[in-house]
Amino acid sequence: MLASLRLLLLPALVIAGLGLAACERQGPAERAGRSLDRAGENLRDTVDPPKGPVERLGRSVDRAVN
């Protein structure tokens, strides 16, 4: 049973590692999209500013994570 688990786990880990390695490079379309996203966020903050310090913190965390 342990051998069959290893047989299934090893290829899954290799595929996951390759998938993560492929996501590092950013192309021009991705950079342009990110720029548009930031412009939209700035517009949203201008039209509907955060109401308090917790909401401001939440938005800054969202920007840092995304």
N, C-alpha and C. Protein backbone atom coordinates (compact mmCIF):
# COMPACT_ATOMS: atom_id res chain seq x y z
N MET A 1 0.82 -1.19 0.00
CA MET A 1 0.00 0.00 0.00
C MET A 1 0.87 1.26 0.00
N LEU A 2 1.95 1.26 0.77
CA LEU A 2 2.83 2.41 0.83
C LEU A 2 3.50 2.66 -0.51
N ALA A 3 3.84 1.60 -1.22
CA ALA A 3 4.47 1.75 -2.53
C ALA A 3 3.50 2.37 -3.54
N SER A 4 2.24 1.99 -3.48
CA SER A 4 1.26 2.56 -4.41
C SER A 4 1.00 4.04 -4.08
N LEU A 5 1.06 4.40 -2.81
CA LEU A 5 0.90 5.80 -2.42
C LEU A 5 2.06 6.63 -2.95
N ARG A 6 3.26 6.10 -2.83
CA ARG A 6 4.42 6.81 -3.37
C ARG A 6 4.34 6.93 -4.88
N LEU A 7 3.84 5.90 -5.52
CA LEU A 7 3.71 5.90 -6.97
C LEU A 7 2.74 6.99 -7.44
N LEU A 8 1.74 7.28 -6.65
CA LEU A 8 0.78 8.32 -7.01
C LEU A 8 1.25 9.72 -6.57
N LEU A 9 1.94 9.78 -5.44
CA LEU A 9 2.32 11.06 -4.88
C LEU A 9 3.47 11.72 -5.65
N LEU A 10 4.43 10.95 -6.07
CA LEU A 10 5.59 11.50 -6.75
C LEU A 10 5.22 12.23 -8.05
N PRO A 11 4.46 11.64 -8.95
CA PRO A 11 4.09 12.39 -10.17
C PRO A 11 3.25 13.63 -9.87
N ALA A 12 2.41 13.56 -8.86
CA ALA A 12 1.59 14.72 -8.51
C ALA A 12 2.48 15.87 -8.04
N LEU A 13 3.49 15.58 -7.26
CA LEU A 13 4.40 16.62 -6.78
C LEU A 13 5.23 17.20 -7.93
N VAL A 14 5.65 16.37 -8.84
CA VAL A 14 6.43 16.85 -9.99
C VAL A 14 5.58 17.77 -10.86
N ILE A 15 4.35 17.39 -11.12
CA ILE A 15 3.45 18.21 -11.95
C ILE A 15 3.16 19.53 -11.25
N ALA A 16 2.94 19.50 -9.94
CA ALA A 16 2.68 20.74 -9.20
C ALA A 16 3.90 21.65 -9.24
N GLY A 17 5.08 21.09 -9.10
CA GLY A 17 6.30 21.90 -9.15
C GLY A 17 6.51 22.53 -10.51
N LEU A 18 6.24 21.79 -11.56
CA LEU A 18 6.37 22.35 -12.91
C LEU A 18 5.34 23.45 -13.15
N GLY A 19 4.16 23.27 -12.63
CA GLY A 19 3.12 24.29 -12.78
C GLY A 19 3.49 25.58 -12.09
N LEU A 20 4.08 25.49 -10.93
CA LEU A 20 4.50 26.70 -10.21
C LEU A 20 5.68 27.37 -10.89
N ALA A 21 6.59 26.59 -11.42
CA ALA A 21 7.76 27.16 -12.09
C ALA A 21 7.36 27.90 -13.36
N ALA A 22 6.30 27.48 -14.01
CA ALA A 22 5.88 28.10 -15.26
C ALA A 22 5.20 29.45 -15.05
N CYS A 23 4.80 29.76 -13.84
CA CYS A 23 4.04 30.98 -13.58
C CYS A 23 4.91 32.17 -13.19
N GLU A 24 6.21 32.06 -13.23
CA GLU A 24 7.06 33.12 -12.74
C GLU A 24 7.21 34.28 -13.72
N ARG A 25 7.26 34.03 -15.00
CA ARG A 25 7.52 35.06 -15.99
C ARG A 25 6.23 35.79 -16.35
N GLN A 26 6.31 37.11 -16.42
CA GLN A 26 5.16 37.93 -16.79
C GLN A 26 5.34 38.50 -18.18
N GLY A 27 4.33 38.35 -18.99
CA GLY A 27 4.38 38.90 -20.33
C GLY A 27 3.80 40.31 -20.36
N PRO A 28 3.87 40.95 -21.51
CA PRO A 28 3.37 42.32 -21.61
C PRO A 28 1.86 42.42 -21.38
N ALA A 29 1.11 41.41 -21.77
CA ALA A 29 -0.35 41.45 -21.56
C ALA A 29 -0.67 41.37 -20.07
N GLU A 30 0.07 40.55 -19.35
CA GLU A 30 -0.18 40.44 -17.91
C GLU A 30 0.19 41.74 -17.19
N ARG A 31 1.28 42.36 -17.59
CA ARG A 31 1.65 43.64 -16.98
C ARG A 31 0.61 44.71 -17.28
N ALA A 32 0.11 44.74 -18.52
CA ALA A 32 -0.92 45.72 -18.89
C ALA A 32 -2.21 45.46 -18.11
N GLY A 33 -2.55 44.21 -17.94
CA GLY A 33 -3.75 43.86 -17.16
C GLY A 33 -3.62 44.27 -15.71
N ARG A 34 -2.44 44.06 -15.15
CA ARG A 34 -2.22 44.45 -13.76
C ARG A 34 -2.31 45.97 -13.62
N SER A 35 -1.80 46.69 -14.61
CA SER A 35 -1.87 48.14 -14.59
C SER A 35 -3.32 48.61 -14.65
N LEU A 36 -4.12 47.98 -15.49
CA LEU A 36 -5.55 48.32 -15.56
C LEU A 36 -6.26 48.00 -14.25
N ASP A 37 -5.90 46.90 -13.63
CA ASP A 37 -6.50 46.54 -12.34
C ASP A 37 -6.20 47.59 -11.29
N ARG A 38 -4.97 48.04 -11.25
CA ARG A 38 -4.58 49.06 -10.27
C ARG A 38 -5.30 50.38 -10.54
N ALA A 39 -5.46 50.73 -11.81
CA ALA A 39 -6.18 51.95 -12.15
C ALA A 39 -7.63 51.86 -11.70
N GLY A 40 -8.23 50.69 -11.89
CA GLY A 40 -9.61 50.48 -11.42
C GLY A 40 -9.73 50.57 -9.91
N GLU A 41 -8.76 50.01 -9.20
CA GLU A 41 -8.77 50.08 -7.74
C GLU A 41 -8.62 51.52 -7.27
N ASN A 42 -7.74 52.28 -7.91
CA ASN A 42 -7.57 53.68 -7.54
C ASN A 42 -8.84 54.48 -7.80
N LEU A 43 -9.52 54.20 -8.91
CA LEU A 43 -10.77 54.87 -9.22
C LEU A 43 -11.82 54.52 -8.17
N ARG A 44 -11.90 53.25 -7.79
CA ARG A 44 -12.85 52.82 -6.78
C ARG A 44 -12.58 53.53 -5.45
N ASP A 45 -11.30 53.66 -5.08
CA ASP A 45 -10.96 54.34 -3.83
C ASP A 45 -11.33 55.82 -3.89
N THR A 46 -11.27 56.42 -5.08
CA THR A 46 -11.63 57.83 -5.23
C THR A 46 -13.15 58.01 -5.13
N VAL A 47 -13.89 57.14 -5.79
CA VAL A 47 -15.35 57.24 -5.80
C VAL A 47 -15.95 56.77 -4.48
N ASP A 48 -15.44 55.67 -3.95
CA ASP A 48 -15.95 55.08 -2.71
C ASP A 48 -14.78 54.84 -1.76
N PRO A 49 -14.33 55.89 -1.06
CA PRO A 49 -13.16 55.73 -0.19
C PRO A 49 -13.45 54.78 0.97
N PRO A 50 -12.41 54.12 1.47
CA PRO A 50 -12.61 53.24 2.62
C PRO A 50 -13.16 54.03 3.80
N LYS A 51 -14.09 53.43 4.53
CA LYS A 51 -14.79 54.13 5.60
C LYS A 51 -13.98 54.22 6.89
N GLY A 52 -13.11 53.27 7.11
CA GLY A 52 -12.37 53.28 8.37
C GLY A 52 -11.01 52.63 8.22
N PRO A 53 -10.25 52.59 9.32
CA PRO A 53 -8.90 52.03 9.25
C PRO A 53 -8.88 50.54 8.93
N VAL A 54 -9.88 49.80 9.37
CA VAL A 54 -9.90 48.36 9.09
C VAL A 54 -10.16 48.10 7.61
N GLU A 55 -11.06 48.87 7.04
CA GLU A 55 -11.34 48.71 5.61
C GLU A 55 -10.13 49.11 4.77
N ARG A 56 -9.44 50.19 5.17
CA ARG A 56 -8.21 50.59 4.46
C ARG A 56 -7.17 49.49 4.54
N LEU A 57 -7.03 48.89 5.72
CA LEU A 57 -6.08 47.80 5.91
C LEU A 57 -6.46 46.61 5.04
N GLY A 58 -7.74 46.29 4.99
CA GLY A 58 -8.20 45.19 4.16
C GLY A 58 -7.90 45.38 2.69
N ARG A 59 -8.11 46.60 2.21
CA ARG A 59 -7.83 46.87 0.80
C ARG A 59 -6.35 46.80 0.51
N SER A 60 -5.51 47.27 1.44
CA SER A 60 -4.08 47.20 1.20
C SER A 60 -3.59 45.75 1.24
N VAL A 61 -4.19 44.93 2.09
CA VAL A 61 -3.84 43.51 2.11
C VAL A 61 -4.27 42.84 0.82
N ASP A 62 -5.45 43.20 0.32
CA ASP A 62 -5.91 42.64 -0.96
C ASP A 62 -4.94 42.98 -2.08
N ARG A 63 -4.44 44.22 -2.10
CA ARG A 63 -3.49 44.61 -3.14
C ARG A 63 -2.18 43.87 -3.00
N ALA A 64 -1.73 43.66 -1.78
CA ALA A 64 -0.45 42.98 -1.57
C ALA A 64 -0.54 41.51 -1.95
N VAL A 65 -1.67 40.89 -1.70
CA VAL A 65 -1.83 39.46 -1.99
C VAL A 65 -2.11 39.22 -3.46
N ASN A 66 -2.87 40.10 -4.08
CA ASN A 66 -3.24 39.90 -5.49
C ASN A 66 -2.27 40.52 -6.37
